[in-house]
């Protein structure tokens, strides 16, 4: 029975009944309005949460790009930036001191201290200059001087590119009896009858691929020193050398794939597209041997016109082992064919670092601390053998990894979906099995930094050479870069190795090609 009927039973005053009914209607309307408002508030809260996540993500991205573009204007400098400003400070200090000396020549100056100066390498060639007194008699009493010691000081000097000519004279001898002519054979060379000696060819290659100078700059250098080598000639030399060195690069790739643990990564490089008058994106795939094995390091680059995973599959072919990579989907097909995935802890750390750098997030700071402890364990076991390192990892690193995984799971449950922290945690948890796999062994790497370090010089050099002129040129560059990067990784001076190799290559038997590779176990030309 409704309120109106109950009021009628009590014979209530009509005016009172009308007022009560009006108040009830107002209460019901207020309750309905309140429900509507609660629903609207709930939707507003959802919208605000979504916007907060979006703002947080954009703030993180903005801070990241500001650090990249305006890092030199911030108060917290990187090590390289600090070194740059230290150079300016030292230059200014010396300049001021020199100006003071010029302005006040009569004021005695203290001899500059040489404390802490690094000794010059003993293997550098030395030109000895002896400075004897003008007289062997004492300037005070006229008696003969007696040698009691020597004051030896050294200065480092350099001789810029010096062009000179090898003149080969081959006398010809005739036999009057049989009317034959005899002469010494022409020395074998990479370029038969070519103008360039092996030393010059090696210098051009090093300038182009190690110091990242375009050929037009090398042409300018040669002209400045009186040689004047045309750019077209330089290009022909580079092409011939690339063909000659290709078998060495292919052999490096064969030896690389004999290892059971590899690093892999890729970096984009511009490739000229003549038909459209602009460049398109190609990729330089990079592979490196395991840094934790006591074998000569090998680095191999593979130039391809795309980033598809088929390129990695074609290079590795039937290789099976453990592959350290980032989270790029192109590698996933490899893991379905029997290759074991190793995930890079440095990539996982980078997600938390960006978050912490953007807004000093406390959870990101905690993650960074936990990861730092894992790297500290690696540093302590760096010089240990594989068995000792495995023991250290299992007793020290694995418990911390398990604790970190549990902490990440718990933190993720308390973190809103879509936030930057949630994305950082999800990245790690999604690949956690591959991340912690290294701790069950003594020879698996913790991250992919070694291959990234090998790629970095080429990525920097792209600013100079701008693009690869053709696919063939890209593959040629990859082959040469493989040999030079491997030489550097083995502590072998690249120019000396390349010069010696170009001298020996024309007459060296293919069955002994390993003797020419820039590996420390087969080559003694050390840095």
Protein backbone atom coordinates (compact mmCIF):
# COMPACT_ATOMS: atom_id res chain seq x y z
CA UNK A 1 0.00 0.00 0.00
CA UNK A 2 1.44 3.38 -0.96
CA UNK A 3 1.74 6.44 1.26
CA UNK A 4 -1.37 8.17 -0.16
CA UNK A 5 -3.67 5.26 0.83
CA UNK A 6 -2.18 5.14 4.31
CA UNK A 7 -2.80 8.82 4.77
CA UNK A 8 -6.43 8.39 3.63
CA UNK A 9 -7.00 5.66 6.28
CA UNK A 10 -5.98 8.06 9.02
CA UNK A 11 -8.23 10.82 7.68
CA UNK A 12 -5.26 13.12 7.62
CA UNK A 13 -5.63 16.75 6.78
CA UNK A 14 -5.58 17.09 2.96
CA UNK A 15 -3.08 19.92 3.13
CA UNK A 16 -0.77 17.84 5.35
CA UNK A 17 -1.12 14.82 3.07
CA UNK A 18 -0.28 16.93 0.04
CA UNK A 19 2.79 18.35 1.76
CA UNK A 20 4.01 14.87 2.81
CA UNK A 21 3.56 13.52 -0.67
CA UNK A 22 5.43 16.47 -2.12
CA UNK A 23 8.35 15.90 0.25
CA UNK A 24 8.45 12.23 -0.65
CA UNK A 25 8.55 13.07 -4.34
CA UNK A 26 11.37 15.52 -3.68
CA UNK A 27 13.29 12.83 -1.77
CA UNK A 28 12.83 10.31 -4.56
CA UNK A 29 13.92 12.86 -7.14
CA UNK A 30 16.96 13.75 -5.04
CA UNK A 31 17.86 10.06 -4.77
CA UNK A 32 17.58 9.65 -8.53
CA UNK A 33 19.66 12.77 -9.09
CA UNK A 34 22.22 11.48 -6.61
CA UNK A 35 22.49 8.19 -8.53
CA UNK A 36 23.00 10.10 -11.76
CA UNK A 37 25.66 12.26 -10.12
CA UNK A 38 27.45 9.19 -8.72
CA UNK A 39 27.50 7.61 -12.18
CA UNK A 40 28.81 10.83 -13.69
CA UNK A 41 31.46 11.07 -10.96
CA UNK A 42 32.55 7.52 -11.63
CA UNK A 43 32.89 8.25 -15.33
CA UNK A 44 34.78 11.43 -14.53
CA UNK A 45 37.18 9.48 -12.32
CA UNK A 46 37.78 7.00 -15.14
CA UNK A 47 38.40 9.85 -17.58
CA UNK A 48 40.76 11.56 -15.13
CA UNK A 49 42.68 8.31 -14.57
CA UNK A 50 43.05 7.78 -18.30
CA UNK A 51 44.21 11.37 -18.78
CA UNK A 52 46.65 11.05 -15.88
CA UNK A 53 48.18 7.95 -17.49
CA UNK A 54 48.39 9.77 -20.80
CA UNK A 55 49.97 12.83 -19.18
CA UNK A 56 52.46 10.65 -17.33
CA UNK A 57 53.42 8.84 -20.53
CA UNK A 58 53.80 12.11 -22.45
CA UNK A 59 55.79 13.67 -19.60
CA UNK A 60 58.14 10.70 -19.62
CA UNK A 61 58.55 10.86 -23.39
CA UNK A 62 59.09 14.63 -23.31
CA UNK A 63 61.72 14.35 -20.58
CA UNK A 64 63.51 11.63 -22.54
CA UNK A 65 63.68 13.71 -25.71
CA UNK A 66 64.71 16.83 -23.78
CA UNK A 67 67.63 14.91 -22.31
CA UNK A 68 68.65 13.86 -25.81
CA UNK A 69 68.35 17.32 -27.35
CA UNK A 70 69.14 19.69 -24.52
CA UNK A 71 71.30 17.59 -22.25
CA UNK A 72 74.17 20.08 -22.44
CA UNK A 73 71.93 22.77 -20.90
CA UNK A 74 70.89 20.77 -17.87
CA UNK A 75 72.63 20.76 -14.52
CA UNK A 76 73.31 17.01 -14.55
CA UNK A 77 75.86 16.29 -17.27
CA UNK A 78 76.87 12.96 -18.68
CA UNK A 79 80.48 11.82 -18.38
CA UNK A 80 81.22 12.90 -21.95
CA UNK A 81 79.63 16.30 -21.35
CA UNK A 82 81.60 16.80 -18.14
CA UNK A 83 84.79 15.95 -20.03
CA UNK A 84 83.90 18.51 -22.70
CA UNK A 85 83.44 21.30 -20.18
CA UNK A 86 86.58 20.21 -18.32
CA UNK A 87 88.52 20.62 -21.57
CA UNK A 88 87.20 24.16 -21.96
CA UNK A 89 88.02 24.98 -18.35
CA UNK A 90 91.58 23.71 -18.70
CA UNK A 91 92.10 25.55 -22.00
CA UNK A 92 90.83 28.81 -20.50
CA UNK A 93 93.04 28.40 -17.43
CA UNK A 94 96.20 27.88 -19.50
CA UNK A 95 95.28 30.77 -21.80
CA UNK A 96 94.86 33.11 -18.83
CA UNK A 97 98.19 32.02 -17.37
CA UNK A 98 99.91 32.60 -20.72
CA UNK A 99 98.44 36.10 -21.00
CA UNK A 100 99.63 36.91 -17.49
CA UNK A 101 103.14 35.80 -18.43
CA UNK A 102 103.09 38.11 -21.45
CA UNK A 103 101.80 41.05 -19.40
CA UNK A 104 104.25 40.58 -16.52
CA UNK A 105 107.43 39.08 -18.04
CA UNK A 106 109.63 40.22 -15.15
CA UNK A 107 107.76 38.21 -12.54
CA UNK A 108 109.40 34.78 -12.01
CA UNK A 109 107.12 31.85 -12.76
CA UNK A 110 107.09 28.56 -10.96
CA UNK A 111 108.01 25.54 -13.05
CA UNK A 112 104.81 23.70 -14.00
CA UNK A 113 104.34 20.51 -12.07
CA UNK A 114 104.47 17.25 -14.04
CA UNK A 115 102.98 15.20 -11.23
CA UNK A 116 100.62 12.53 -12.48
CA UNK A 117 101.56 12.74 -16.14
CA UNK A 118 101.27 9.35 -17.81
CA UNK A 119 104.53 7.88 -19.12
CA UNK A 120 104.80 7.67 -22.89
CA UNK A 121 104.45 4.11 -24.28
CA UNK A 122 107.76 2.30 -24.40
CA UNK A 123 107.04 0.75 -27.81
CA UNK A 124 106.80 4.11 -29.61
CA UNK A 125 109.86 4.86 -31.79
CA UNK A 126 112.22 7.41 -30.27
CA UNK A 127 114.47 9.97 -31.92
CA UNK A 128 117.29 10.79 -29.52
CA UNK A 129 118.57 14.37 -29.32
CA UNK A 130 121.72 14.83 -27.26
CA UNK A 131 122.37 18.32 -25.92
CA UNK A 132 126.01 18.65 -24.84
CA UNK A 133 127.46 21.76 -23.16
CA UNK A 134 129.29 24.15 -25.47
CA UNK A 135 132.55 23.43 -23.60
CA UNK A 136 133.96 20.46 -21.70
CA UNK A 137 135.64 22.82 -19.24
CA UNK A 138 134.12 24.41 -16.17
CA UNK A 139 133.01 27.96 -16.81
CA UNK A 140 134.08 29.00 -13.29
CA UNK A 141 137.57 27.48 -12.81
CA UNK A 142 138.46 26.02 -16.21
CA UNK A 143 138.86 22.41 -15.00
CA UNK A 144 137.60 19.42 -17.05
CA UNK A 145 133.96 18.46 -16.50
CA UNK A 146 133.07 14.93 -15.33
CA UNK A 147 129.75 13.29 -16.31
CA UNK A 148 127.73 12.43 -13.19
CA UNK A 149 124.31 11.66 -14.71
CA UNK A 150 121.71 12.57 -17.29
CA UNK A 151 118.51 14.56 -17.28
CA UNK A 152 116.11 12.81 -19.67
CA UNK A 153 112.83 14.40 -20.74
CA UNK A 154 110.44 13.26 -23.46
CA UNK A 155 108.01 15.02 -25.78
CA UNK A 156 105.37 13.34 -27.91
CA UNK A 157 105.29 14.35 -31.57
CA UNK A 158 103.31 13.34 -34.64
CA UNK A 159 103.97 13.25 -38.37
CA UNK A 160 100.83 14.00 -40.43
CA UNK A 161 99.94 11.99 -43.51
CA UNK A 162 103.14 11.87 -45.57
CA UNK A 163 102.92 10.75 -49.16
CA UNK A 164 106.03 9.24 -50.71
CA UNK A 165 106.85 7.03 -53.69
CA UNK A 166 108.16 3.46 -53.86
CA UNK A 167 110.30 3.31 -56.98
CA UNK A 168 110.74 -0.27 -58.18
CA UNK A 169 113.75 -0.81 -60.45
CA UNK A 170 113.96 -4.16 -62.25
CA UNK A 171 117.21 -4.47 -64.20
CA UNK A 172 116.95 -6.58 -67.32
CA UNK A 173 119.78 -8.93 -68.28
CA UNK A 174 120.32 -10.54 -71.67
CA UNK A 175 122.09 -13.77 -72.60
CA UNK A 176 124.06 -13.27 -75.78
CA UNK A 177 124.36 -17.01 -76.31
CA UNK A 178 120.65 -17.88 -76.35
CA UNK A 179 119.31 -14.35 -76.83
CA UNK A 180 117.01 -14.45 -73.80
CA UNK A 181 116.21 -11.64 -71.37
CA UNK A 182 116.01 -12.19 -67.61
CA UNK A 183 114.42 -9.85 -65.03
CA UNK A 184 113.01 -10.15 -61.54
CA UNK A 185 109.26 -10.90 -61.50
CA UNK A 186 106.80 -8.10 -60.78
CA UNK A 187 105.73 -8.28 -57.11
CA UNK A 188 102.17 -9.50 -56.68
CA UNK A 189 99.70 -6.81 -55.62
CA UNK A 190 96.03 -6.44 -54.77
CA UNK A 191 95.66 -4.13 -57.76
CA UNK A 192 97.94 -5.27 -60.59
CA UNK A 193 99.84 -2.34 -62.03
CA UNK A 194 98.07 -0.02 -59.64
CA UNK A 195 99.33 3.34 -58.48
CA UNK A 196 98.76 2.72 -54.76
CA UNK A 197 101.07 0.74 -52.48
CA UNK A 198 99.50 -1.45 -49.75
CA UNK A 199 100.20 1.21 -47.13
CA UNK A 200 98.23 3.85 -49.05
CA UNK A 201 95.36 1.47 -49.74
CA UNK A 202 95.20 0.59 -46.05
CA UNK A 203 95.25 4.28 -45.10
CA UNK A 204 92.35 5.08 -47.42
CA UNK A 205 90.26 2.23 -46.02
CA UNK A 206 90.96 3.25 -42.42
CA UNK A 207 90.11 6.88 -43.18
CA UNK A 208 86.81 5.90 -44.80
CA UNK A 209 85.56 3.08 -42.59
CA UNK A 210 87.22 3.63 -39.22
CA UNK A 211 87.53 7.43 -39.09
CA UNK A 212 84.33 7.86 -41.15
CA UNK A 213 85.71 10.37 -43.66
CA UNK A 214 83.90 10.58 -47.01
CA UNK A 215 86.08 10.16 -50.08
CA UNK A 216 85.85 13.83 -51.01
CA UNK A 217 87.55 14.72 -47.70
CA UNK A 218 90.27 12.14 -48.32
CA UNK A 219 90.72 13.71 -51.75
CA UNK A 220 91.14 17.12 -50.09
CA UNK A 221 93.73 15.71 -47.65
CA UNK A 222 95.78 14.18 -50.47
CA UNK A 223 95.63 17.43 -52.45
CA UNK A 224 96.73 19.43 -49.43
CA UNK A 225 99.80 17.19 -49.11
CA UNK A 226 100.70 17.43 -52.80
CA UNK A 227 99.48 14.02 -54.01
CA UNK A 228 96.09 14.98 -55.44
CA UNK A 229 94.31 11.60 -55.69
CA UNK A 230 91.02 11.91 -57.57
CA UNK A 231 87.86 10.81 -55.80
CA UNK A 232 87.01 8.43 -58.65
CA UNK A 233 90.38 6.73 -58.20
CA UNK A 234 89.81 6.40 -54.46
CA UNK A 235 86.40 4.85 -55.14
CA UNK A 236 87.96 2.29 -57.49
CA UNK A 237 90.56 1.36 -54.89
CA UNK A 238 87.91 0.89 -52.21
CA UNK A 239 85.87 -1.37 -54.51
CA UNK A 240 88.87 -3.56 -55.33
CA UNK A 241 89.90 -3.84 -51.69
CA UNK A 242 86.35 -4.76 -50.67
CA UNK A 243 86.34 -7.66 -53.12
CA UNK A 244 89.78 -8.81 -51.96
CA UNK A 245 88.78 -8.75 -48.28
CA UNK A 246 85.40 -10.45 -48.77
CA UNK A 247 86.76 -14.01 -48.22
CA UNK A 248 88.23 -12.93 -44.87
CA UNK A 249 84.89 -11.50 -43.76
CA UNK A 250 83.06 -14.66 -44.83
CA UNK A 251 85.55 -16.77 -42.89
CA UNK A 252 84.96 -14.60 -39.82
CA UNK A 253 81.23 -15.31 -40.10
CA UNK A 254 81.93 -19.04 -40.27
CA UNK A 255 84.09 -18.92 -37.15
CA UNK A 256 81.53 -16.75 -35.37
CA UNK A 257 78.80 -19.33 -35.86
CA UNK A 258 80.95 -22.03 -34.29
CA UNK A 259 80.25 -20.42 -30.92
CA UNK A 260 77.31 -21.49 -28.78
CA UNK A 261 76.45 -18.02 -27.47
CA UNK A 262 75.99 -14.93 -29.67
CA UNK A 263 74.88 -11.32 -29.38
CA UNK A 264 72.68 -9.78 -32.10
CA UNK A 265 71.34 -6.32 -32.81
CA UNK A 266 70.55 -4.07 -35.76
CA UNK A 267 70.77 -0.38 -36.60
CA UNK A 268 69.16 1.58 -39.45
CA UNK A 269 71.35 3.08 -42.17
CA UNK A 270 70.18 5.32 -45.03
CA UNK A 271 70.42 3.74 -48.47
CA UNK A 272 70.34 5.90 -51.59
CA UNK A 273 67.27 5.35 -53.76
CA UNK A 274 68.31 6.85 -57.12
CA UNK A 275 64.93 6.36 -58.74
CA UNK A 276 63.25 8.64 -56.20
CA UNK A 277 66.13 11.01 -55.61
CA UNK A 278 66.20 10.40 -51.86
CA UNK A 279 67.20 7.76 -49.34
CA UNK A 280 65.35 4.81 -47.94
CA UNK A 281 65.96 2.85 -44.76
CA UNK A 282 68.21 -0.19 -44.79
CA UNK A 283 69.68 -2.05 -41.82
CA UNK A 284 73.08 -3.13 -40.62
CA UNK A 285 72.66 -6.34 -38.65
CA UNK A 286 75.43 -6.97 -36.12
CA UNK A 287 76.55 -10.21 -34.48
CA UNK A 288 79.20 -10.72 -31.81
CA UNK A 289 80.80 -13.67 -30.10
CA UNK A 290 80.37 -14.25 -26.37
CA UNK A 291 82.43 -11.91 -24.20
CA UNK A 292 82.55 -14.42 -21.33
CA UNK A 293 84.41 -17.10 -23.25
CA UNK A 294 88.19 -17.23 -23.42
CA UNK A 295 88.33 -17.01 -27.21
CA UNK A 296 89.30 -14.24 -29.61
CA UNK A 297 86.28 -11.91 -30.02
CA UNK A 298 84.60 -11.80 -33.42
CA UNK A 299 82.26 -9.08 -34.71
CA UNK A 300 80.40 -9.50 -38.00
CA UNK A 301 78.13 -6.99 -39.74
CA UNK A 302 75.52 -7.98 -42.31
CA UNK A 303 74.01 -5.27 -44.53
CA UNK A 304 70.39 -5.87 -45.58
CA UNK A 305 67.74 -3.71 -47.20
CA UNK A 306 65.14 -4.48 -44.54
CA UNK A 307 64.56 -5.29 -40.88
CA UNK A 308 62.54 -8.47 -41.36
CA UNK A 309 63.41 -11.44 -39.20
CA UNK A 310 64.15 -13.46 -42.33
CA UNK A 311 67.51 -11.67 -42.58
CA UNK A 312 68.61 -12.94 -39.16
CA UNK A 313 67.33 -16.41 -40.04
CA UNK A 314 69.27 -16.40 -43.31
CA UNK A 315 72.50 -15.32 -41.62
CA UNK A 316 72.30 -17.79 -38.72
CA UNK A 317 70.88 -20.52 -40.97
CA UNK A 318 71.23 -23.83 -39.10
CA UNK A 319 73.02 -22.34 -36.09
CA UNK A 320 71.67 -23.41 -32.71
CA UNK A 321 72.66 -21.91 -29.41
CA UNK A 322 71.81 -19.05 -27.03
CA UNK A 323 71.12 -15.67 -28.65
CA UNK A 324 71.16 -12.39 -26.70
CA UNK A 325 68.77 -9.88 -28.30
CA UNK A 326 66.35 -7.08 -27.49
CA UNK A 327 62.58 -7.43 -27.68
CA UNK A 328 62.32 -6.93 -31.45
CA UNK A 329 59.69 -9.29 -32.86
CA UNK A 330 61.89 -10.21 -35.83
CA UNK A 331 63.90 -12.59 -33.64
CA UNK A 332 60.88 -14.52 -32.34
CA UNK A 333 60.84 -16.98 -35.23
CA UNK A 334 64.39 -18.04 -34.32
CA UNK A 335 63.31 -19.09 -30.85
CA UNK A 336 60.60 -21.27 -32.32
CA UNK A 337 63.28 -23.21 -34.22
CA UNK A 338 65.39 -24.26 -31.27
CA UNK A 339 67.49 -21.18 -30.49
CA UNK A 340 67.47 -20.22 -26.81
CA UNK A 341 66.45 -16.64 -26.06
CA UNK A 342 68.53 -14.45 -23.76
CA UNK A 343 66.97 -11.13 -22.77
CA UNK A 344 69.00 -7.99 -22.10
CA UNK A 345 68.82 -6.72 -18.52
CA UNK A 346 70.16 -3.34 -19.66
CA UNK A 347 67.07 -2.85 -21.84
CA UNK A 348 64.82 -3.61 -18.89
CA UNK A 349 66.82 -1.21 -16.74
CA UNK A 350 66.46 1.52 -19.38
CA UNK A 351 62.69 1.57 -18.94
CA UNK A 352 63.03 2.29 -15.21
CA UNK A 353 65.86 4.75 -15.78
CA UNK A 354 63.76 6.85 -18.16
CA UNK A 355 60.90 6.85 -15.66
CA UNK A 356 63.18 7.85 -12.78
CA UNK A 357 64.92 10.54 -14.82
CA UNK A 358 61.56 12.05 -15.76
CA UNK A 359 60.01 12.41 -12.31
CA UNK A 360 62.21 10.66 -9.70
CA UNK A 361 59.67 7.86 -9.35
CA UNK A 362 60.39 5.94 -6.09
CA UNK A 363 59.43 2.55 -7.53
CA UNK A 364 61.72 3.13 -10.48
CA UNK A 365 64.51 4.03 -8.06
CA UNK A 366 63.93 0.77 -6.19
CA UNK A 367 64.11 -1.22 -9.44
CA UNK A 368 67.35 0.54 -10.40
CA UNK A 369 68.87 -0.32 -7.03
CA UNK A 370 67.95 -3.99 -7.37
CA UNK A 371 69.42 -4.14 -10.89
CA UNK A 372 72.57 -2.36 -9.72
CA UNK A 373 73.09 -5.12 -7.15
CA UNK A 374 72.96 -7.72 -9.93
CA UNK A 375 75.57 -5.84 -11.95
CA UNK A 376 77.76 -5.54 -8.86
CA UNK A 377 77.75 -9.32 -8.59
CA UNK A 378 78.78 -9.53 -12.26
CA UNK A 379 81.63 -7.09 -11.69
CA UNK A 380 82.96 -9.14 -8.78
CA UNK A 381 82.98 -12.32 -10.89
CA UNK A 382 84.36 -10.76 -14.07
CA UNK A 383 87.81 -12.32 -13.76
CA UNK A 384 86.59 -15.71 -12.50
CA UNK A 385 86.43 -18.88 -14.54
CA UNK A 386 83.09 -20.15 -15.84
CA UNK A 387 82.57 -22.61 -12.97
CA UNK A 388 83.33 -20.00 -10.31
CA UNK A 389 81.10 -17.43 -11.98
CA UNK A 390 78.24 -19.94 -12.19
CA UNK A 391 78.57 -20.68 -8.49
CA UNK A 392 78.54 -16.98 -7.66
CA UNK A 393 75.50 -16.35 -9.81
CA UNK A 394 73.50 -19.23 -8.37
CA UNK A 395 74.24 -18.33 -4.75
CA UNK A 396 74.08 -14.53 -5.05
CA UNK A 397 72.32 -13.41 -8.24
CA UNK A 398 69.53 -15.98 -8.49
CA UNK A 399 68.03 -15.24 -5.03
CA UNK A 400 67.99 -11.53 -5.85
CA UNK A 401 66.36 -12.21 -9.20
CA UNK A 402 63.61 -14.23 -7.52
CA UNK A 403 63.08 -11.46 -4.97
CA UNK A 404 62.93 -8.85 -7.72
CA UNK A 405 60.41 -10.87 -9.70
CA UNK A 406 58.15 -11.19 -6.67
CA UNK A 407 58.51 -7.47 -5.97
CA UNK A 408 57.66 -6.61 -9.58
CA UNK A 409 54.55 -8.80 -9.50
CA UNK A 410 53.38 -7.27 -6.21
CA UNK A 411 54.10 -3.72 -7.39
CA UNK A 412 52.29 -4.36 -10.67
CA UNK A 413 49.14 -5.42 -8.82
CA UNK A 414 49.12 -2.04 -7.10
CA UNK A 415 49.88 -0.06 -10.25
CA UNK A 416 47.24 1.39 -12.55
CA UNK A 417 47.04 -0.07 -16.04
CA UNK A 418 48.46 2.13 -18.74
CA UNK A 419 50.85 4.03 -16.49
CA UNK A 420 54.53 4.36 -17.33
CA UNK A 421 55.48 2.26 -14.32
CA UNK A 422 53.09 -0.48 -15.42
CA UNK A 423 54.66 -0.51 -18.89
CA UNK A 424 58.17 -0.73 -17.45
CA UNK A 425 57.18 -3.60 -15.17
CA UNK A 426 55.27 -5.42 -17.92
CA UNK A 427 58.33 -5.23 -20.19
CA UNK A 428 60.45 -7.04 -17.60
CA UNK A 429 57.85 -9.58 -16.48
CA UNK A 430 56.97 -10.52 -20.05
CA UNK A 431 60.59 -11.61 -20.68
CA UNK A 432 61.56 -12.62 -17.16
CA UNK A 433 62.47 -16.22 -17.97
CA UNK A 434 64.85 -15.01 -20.67
CA UNK A 435 66.22 -12.28 -18.37
CA UNK A 436 67.14 -14.57 -15.48
CA UNK A 437 68.43 -17.41 -17.68
CA UNK A 438 72.00 -16.12 -17.47
CA UNK A 439 72.12 -16.75 -13.71
CA UNK A 440 71.85 -20.53 -14.20
CA UNK A 441 75.19 -20.60 -16.04
CA UNK A 442 78.65 -19.16 -15.89
CA UNK A 443 79.08 -18.27 -19.57
CA UNK A 444 75.84 -16.56 -20.59
CA UNK A 445 75.95 -12.72 -20.78
CA UNK A 446 73.75 -10.52 -18.61
CA UNK A 447 73.02 -7.95 -21.32
CA UNK A 448 73.51 -6.98 -24.94
CA UNK A 449 75.88 -4.07 -24.27
CA UNK A 450 78.89 -5.65 -26.07
CA UNK A 451 77.16 -5.62 -29.47
CA UNK A 452 75.69 -2.17 -28.87
CA UNK A 453 79.19 -0.89 -28.14
CA UNK A 454 80.37 -2.42 -31.42
CA UNK A 455 77.57 -0.68 -33.35
CA UNK A 456 77.97 2.71 -31.67
CA UNK A 457 81.01 3.94 -33.70
CA UNK A 458 79.19 3.18 -36.94
CA UNK A 459 76.04 4.93 -35.72
CA UNK A 460 78.13 8.00 -34.92
CA UNK A 461 79.92 7.78 -38.26
CA UNK A 462 76.60 7.95 -40.13
CA UNK A 463 76.56 11.68 -39.46
CA UNK A 464 79.62 12.00 -41.70
CA UNK A 465 78.97 9.64 -44.60
CA UNK A 466 75.19 10.27 -44.57
CA UNK A 467 74.10 7.21 -46.61
CA UNK A 468 75.19 4.06 -48.42
CA UNK A 469 75.30 4.64 -52.17
CA UNK A 470 74.04 1.19 -53.13
CA UNK A 471 73.26 -2.24 -51.72
CA UNK A 472 76.60 -3.52 -53.01
CA UNK A 473 78.40 -0.62 -51.31
CA UNK A 474 76.54 -1.39 -48.09
CA UNK A 475 77.58 -5.05 -48.16
CA UNK A 476 81.15 -4.07 -48.98
CA UNK A 477 81.19 -1.65 -46.05
CA UNK A 478 79.78 -4.35 -43.76
CA UNK A 479 82.54 -6.77 -44.75
CA UNK A 480 85.31 -4.23 -44.15
CA UNK A 481 83.73 -3.00 -40.91
CA UNK A 482 83.58 -6.59 -39.68
CA UNK A 483 87.33 -7.00 -40.08
CA UNK A 484 88.22 -3.61 -38.57
CA UNK A 485 85.86 -4.00 -35.60
CA UNK A 486 87.22 -7.50 -34.93
CA UNK A 487 90.77 -6.16 -35.06
CA UNK A 488 89.95 -3.47 -32.49
CA UNK A 489 88.18 -5.97 -30.24
CA UNK A 490 91.30 -8.17 -30.32
CA UNK A 491 93.64 -5.32 -29.45
CA UNK A 492 95.19 -5.31 -32.93
CA UNK A 493 96.11 -2.01 -34.55
CA UNK A 494 93.81 -1.91 -37.63
CA UNK A 495 96.06 0.07 -39.98
CA UNK A 496 99.12 -2.10 -39.35
CA UNK A 497 97.06 -5.28 -39.70
CA UNK A 498 95.41 -4.16 -42.94
CA UNK A 499 98.69 -3.04 -44.51
CA UNK A 500 100.34 -6.38 -43.71
CA UNK A 501 97.30 -8.30 -44.94
CA UNK A 502 97.16 -6.42 -48.25
CA UNK A 503 100.83 -7.20 -48.76
CA UNK A 504 100.41 -10.92 -48.08
CA UNK A 505 96.94 -11.56 -49.52
CA UNK A 506 97.87 -11.81 -53.26
CA UNK A 507 100.19 -14.80 -52.70
CA UNK A 508 98.66 -16.30 -49.56
CA UNK A 509 97.10 -19.78 -50.04
CA UNK A 510 93.36 -20.03 -49.35
CA UNK A 511 93.94 -23.11 -47.21
CA UNK A 512 95.73 -20.88 -44.65
CA UNK A 513 93.33 -17.95 -44.73
CA UNK A 514 92.89 -18.07 -40.94
CA UNK A 515 96.45 -16.79 -40.56
CA UNK A 516 95.38 -13.45 -42.04
CA UNK A 517 92.37 -12.91 -39.78
CA UNK A 518 92.64 -10.11 -37.19
CA UNK A 519 92.40 -12.49 -34.22
CA UNK A 520 94.78 -12.23 -31.30
CA UNK A 521 95.62 -15.94 -31.36
CA UNK A 522 96.79 -15.77 -34.99
CA UNK A 523 98.12 -12.23 -35.28
CA UNK A 524 100.84 -10.40 -33.36
CA UNK A 525 100.23 -6.82 -34.57
CA UNK A 526 99.00 -5.48 -31.24
CA UNK A 527 97.89 -1.98 -30.33
